[in-house]
N, C-alpha and C. Protein backbone atom coordinates (compact mmCIF):
# COMPACT_ATOMS: atom_id res chain seq x y z
N MET A 1 21.00 -18.42 -10.04
CA MET A 1 21.22 -17.03 -9.69
C MET A 1 22.14 -16.95 -8.49
N SER A 2 22.97 -15.97 -8.51
CA SER A 2 23.86 -15.77 -7.37
C SER A 2 23.11 -15.09 -6.23
N GLY A 3 23.71 -15.13 -5.08
CA GLY A 3 23.09 -14.51 -3.91
C GLY A 3 22.87 -13.02 -4.09
N LYS A 4 23.79 -12.35 -4.77
CA LYS A 4 23.66 -10.91 -4.99
C LYS A 4 22.49 -10.62 -5.94
N SER A 5 22.34 -11.44 -6.98
CA SER A 5 21.24 -11.25 -7.93
C SER A 5 19.89 -11.45 -7.26
N VAL A 6 19.82 -12.44 -6.38
CA VAL A 6 18.57 -12.71 -5.66
C VAL A 6 18.22 -11.53 -4.77
N LYS A 7 19.21 -10.99 -4.07
CA LYS A 7 18.95 -9.84 -3.20
C LYS A 7 18.50 -8.62 -4.00
N ILE A 8 19.12 -8.39 -5.14
CA ILE A 8 18.73 -7.25 -5.98
C ILE A 8 17.30 -7.43 -6.48
N ALA A 9 16.97 -8.62 -6.94
CA ALA A 9 15.61 -8.89 -7.42
C ALA A 9 14.60 -8.75 -6.29
N TYR A 10 14.94 -9.24 -5.12
CA TYR A 10 14.05 -9.15 -3.97
C TYR A 10 13.78 -7.69 -3.61
N TRP A 11 14.84 -6.89 -3.50
CA TRP A 11 14.66 -5.50 -3.10
C TRP A 11 13.97 -4.68 -4.18
N ALA A 12 14.21 -5.01 -5.44
CA ALA A 12 13.51 -4.31 -6.53
C ALA A 12 12.01 -4.60 -6.46
N ALA A 13 11.65 -5.86 -6.27
CA ALA A 13 10.24 -6.23 -6.18
C ALA A 13 9.60 -5.63 -4.93
N THR A 14 10.31 -5.66 -3.83
CA THR A 14 9.79 -5.08 -2.59
C THR A 14 9.59 -3.58 -2.72
N GLY A 15 10.53 -2.91 -3.36
CA GLY A 15 10.40 -1.48 -3.58
C GLY A 15 9.23 -1.13 -4.48
N LEU A 16 9.01 -1.92 -5.52
CA LEU A 16 7.87 -1.67 -6.41
C LEU A 16 6.54 -1.86 -5.68
N VAL A 17 6.43 -2.91 -4.89
CA VAL A 17 5.20 -3.14 -4.12
C VAL A 17 4.98 -2.00 -3.13
N ALA A 18 6.05 -1.55 -2.49
CA ALA A 18 5.93 -0.44 -1.54
C ALA A 18 5.46 0.83 -2.25
N LEU A 19 5.96 1.08 -3.44
CA LEU A 19 5.53 2.27 -4.19
C LEU A 19 4.07 2.16 -4.61
N VAL A 20 3.63 0.97 -4.96
CA VAL A 20 2.22 0.77 -5.31
C VAL A 20 1.34 1.07 -4.09
N TYR A 21 1.73 0.57 -2.92
CA TYR A 21 0.98 0.84 -1.70
C TYR A 21 0.92 2.34 -1.42
N LEU A 22 2.04 3.01 -1.53
CA LEU A 22 2.08 4.44 -1.27
C LEU A 22 1.24 5.20 -2.29
N GLY A 23 1.31 4.81 -3.54
CA GLY A 23 0.51 5.46 -4.58
C GLY A 23 -0.97 5.29 -4.35
N ARG A 24 -1.39 4.10 -3.97
CA ARG A 24 -2.81 3.86 -3.71
C ARG A 24 -3.28 4.66 -2.49
N ALA A 25 -2.47 4.71 -1.45
CA ALA A 25 -2.84 5.49 -0.26
C ALA A 25 -2.94 6.98 -0.61
N THR A 26 -2.02 7.47 -1.41
CA THR A 26 -2.07 8.86 -1.85
C THR A 26 -3.34 9.13 -2.66
N PHE A 27 -3.69 8.18 -3.52
CA PHE A 27 -4.92 8.32 -4.30
C PHE A 27 -6.15 8.33 -3.41
N TYR A 28 -6.18 7.46 -2.42
CA TYR A 28 -7.32 7.42 -1.49
C TYR A 28 -7.49 8.75 -0.77
N ILE A 29 -6.37 9.39 -0.42
CA ILE A 29 -6.44 10.63 0.35
C ILE A 29 -6.70 11.84 -0.53
N THR A 30 -6.01 11.95 -1.67
CA THR A 30 -6.13 13.15 -2.50
C THR A 30 -7.40 13.16 -3.34
N ALA A 31 -7.87 12.01 -3.77
CA ALA A 31 -9.08 11.94 -4.58
C ALA A 31 -10.20 11.27 -3.79
N HIS A 32 -10.40 11.74 -2.58
CA HIS A 32 -11.36 11.10 -1.68
C HIS A 32 -12.77 11.09 -2.25
N ASP A 33 -13.18 12.18 -2.90
CA ASP A 33 -14.54 12.23 -3.45
C ASP A 33 -14.75 11.18 -4.54
N MET A 34 -13.76 11.01 -5.41
CA MET A 34 -13.88 10.01 -6.47
C MET A 34 -13.88 8.60 -5.87
N VAL A 35 -13.02 8.36 -4.92
CA VAL A 35 -12.96 7.04 -4.28
C VAL A 35 -14.26 6.77 -3.52
N ALA A 36 -14.79 7.80 -2.86
CA ALA A 36 -16.06 7.64 -2.15
C ALA A 36 -17.18 7.29 -3.13
N GLY A 37 -17.17 7.91 -4.31
CA GLY A 37 -18.17 7.57 -5.32
C GLY A 37 -18.05 6.13 -5.79
N MET A 38 -16.81 5.64 -5.93
CA MET A 38 -16.61 4.24 -6.34
C MET A 38 -17.06 3.29 -5.23
N TYR A 39 -16.73 3.63 -4.00
CA TYR A 39 -17.12 2.77 -2.88
C TYR A 39 -18.63 2.70 -2.74
N GLU A 40 -19.31 3.83 -2.88
CA GLU A 40 -20.76 3.85 -2.73
C GLU A 40 -21.47 3.27 -3.94
N GLY A 41 -21.03 3.67 -5.14
CA GLY A 41 -21.74 3.27 -6.35
C GLY A 41 -21.45 1.86 -6.81
N VAL A 42 -20.19 1.51 -6.92
CA VAL A 42 -19.80 0.23 -7.48
C VAL A 42 -19.78 -0.87 -6.42
N LEU A 43 -19.13 -0.58 -5.30
CA LEU A 43 -18.94 -1.61 -4.27
C LEU A 43 -20.04 -1.64 -3.22
N THR A 44 -20.85 -0.62 -3.17
CA THR A 44 -21.91 -0.44 -2.16
C THR A 44 -21.36 -0.56 -0.73
N PHE A 45 -20.20 0.02 -0.50
CA PHE A 45 -19.61 0.09 0.83
C PHE A 45 -19.82 1.49 1.38
N PRO A 46 -19.88 1.64 2.68
CA PRO A 46 -19.96 2.99 3.26
C PRO A 46 -18.62 3.73 3.08
N THR A 47 -18.69 5.04 3.05
CA THR A 47 -17.47 5.81 2.76
C THR A 47 -16.51 5.89 3.93
N TYR A 48 -16.98 5.63 5.15
CA TYR A 48 -16.05 5.70 6.28
C TYR A 48 -15.02 4.57 6.23
N ILE A 49 -15.21 3.60 5.39
CA ILE A 49 -14.27 2.48 5.30
C ILE A 49 -13.06 2.82 4.42
N ILE A 50 -13.02 4.00 3.84
CA ILE A 50 -11.90 4.40 2.98
C ILE A 50 -10.65 4.70 3.81
N TRP A 51 -10.80 5.33 4.96
CA TRP A 51 -9.64 5.77 5.73
C TRP A 51 -8.80 4.63 6.31
N PRO A 52 -9.39 3.57 6.87
CA PRO A 52 -8.53 2.49 7.40
C PRO A 52 -7.61 1.85 6.35
N PRO A 53 -8.08 1.52 5.12
CA PRO A 53 -7.13 0.99 4.14
C PRO A 53 -6.04 1.99 3.76
N ALA A 54 -6.39 3.27 3.69
CA ALA A 54 -5.39 4.28 3.35
C ALA A 54 -4.31 4.34 4.42
N ILE A 55 -4.71 4.33 5.68
CA ILE A 55 -3.75 4.38 6.78
C ILE A 55 -2.91 3.10 6.81
N LEU A 56 -3.55 1.96 6.62
CA LEU A 56 -2.82 0.69 6.62
C LEU A 56 -1.84 0.59 5.46
N LYS A 57 -2.18 1.15 4.33
CA LYS A 57 -1.25 1.14 3.19
C LYS A 57 -0.02 2.00 3.48
N ILE A 58 -0.22 3.12 4.14
CA ILE A 58 0.93 3.95 4.51
C ILE A 58 1.79 3.23 5.54
N VAL A 59 1.17 2.61 6.52
CA VAL A 59 1.93 1.85 7.53
C VAL A 59 2.68 0.70 6.88
N SER A 60 2.03 0.00 5.95
CA SER A 60 2.71 -1.11 5.28
C SER A 60 3.86 -0.61 4.42
N PHE A 61 3.71 0.57 3.80
CA PHE A 61 4.81 1.15 3.05
C PHE A 61 6.00 1.43 3.95
N LEU A 62 5.72 1.96 5.12
CA LEU A 62 6.80 2.32 6.04
C LEU A 62 7.48 1.10 6.66
N THR A 63 6.74 0.02 6.83
CA THR A 63 7.30 -1.15 7.50
C THR A 63 7.69 -2.27 6.55
N GLN A 64 7.44 -2.14 5.28
CA GLN A 64 7.69 -3.23 4.35
C GLN A 64 9.16 -3.54 4.18
N ASN A 65 10.00 -2.57 4.30
CA ASN A 65 11.43 -2.80 4.08
C ASN A 65 12.18 -3.16 5.34
N ARG A 66 11.47 -3.44 6.39
CA ARG A 66 12.11 -3.89 7.63
C ARG A 66 12.41 -5.38 7.47
N VAL A 67 13.66 -5.71 7.57
CA VAL A 67 14.07 -7.10 7.38
C VAL A 67 14.34 -7.71 8.74
N ARG A 68 13.73 -8.83 8.96
CA ARG A 68 14.00 -9.58 10.18
C ARG A 68 14.70 -10.86 9.79
N GLU A 69 15.78 -11.12 10.46
CA GLU A 69 16.53 -12.34 10.19
C GLU A 69 15.81 -13.50 10.86
N LYS A 70 15.17 -14.32 10.06
CA LYS A 70 14.50 -15.50 10.57
C LYS A 70 14.96 -16.69 9.75
N LYS A 71 14.89 -17.82 10.37
CA LYS A 71 15.20 -19.03 9.64
C LYS A 71 13.97 -19.41 8.83
N SER A 72 14.18 -19.82 7.63
CA SER A 72 13.09 -20.24 6.78
C SER A 72 12.54 -21.59 7.26
N PRO A 73 11.23 -21.76 7.24
CA PRO A 73 10.69 -23.06 7.61
C PRO A 73 11.06 -24.14 6.60
N TYR A 74 11.50 -23.73 5.43
CA TYR A 74 11.87 -24.69 4.39
C TYR A 74 13.36 -25.01 4.40
N GLY A 75 14.08 -24.42 5.34
CA GLY A 75 15.51 -24.69 5.44
C GLY A 75 16.24 -24.20 4.21
N ASP A 76 17.09 -25.01 3.67
CA ASP A 76 17.90 -24.67 2.51
C ASP A 76 17.28 -25.16 1.21
N LEU A 77 16.06 -25.67 1.28
CA LEU A 77 15.40 -26.25 0.12
C LEU A 77 15.27 -25.26 -1.04
N LEU A 78 14.89 -24.02 -0.74
CA LEU A 78 14.70 -23.03 -1.80
C LEU A 78 16.02 -22.64 -2.44
N ASN A 79 17.08 -22.56 -1.67
CA ASN A 79 18.38 -22.21 -2.24
C ASN A 79 18.92 -23.33 -3.11
N ARG A 80 18.67 -24.58 -2.72
CA ARG A 80 19.15 -25.70 -3.51
C ARG A 80 18.38 -25.84 -4.81
N ALA A 81 17.11 -25.42 -4.83
CA ALA A 81 16.29 -25.55 -6.04
C ALA A 81 16.68 -24.54 -7.10
N ALA A 82 17.25 -23.43 -6.70
CA ALA A 82 17.59 -22.37 -7.65
C ALA A 82 18.87 -22.64 -8.38
């Protein structure tokens, strides 16, 4: 794969994961009663634990596309394998 194809695949996958996070957070907030019923009935968790994952999913959606230029610990090994 060329460098451009890898970048396109990476950003497409990152965008899909970000949308899943945002969708789940929206579901947690808009359908709180249903989610609370699942947490209490199926998982036997208290309902106050619903808000932290919803907030963290929104934060992860907002910060997921932040790219930091770091050197890979694997060096050029992954590029040579492709």
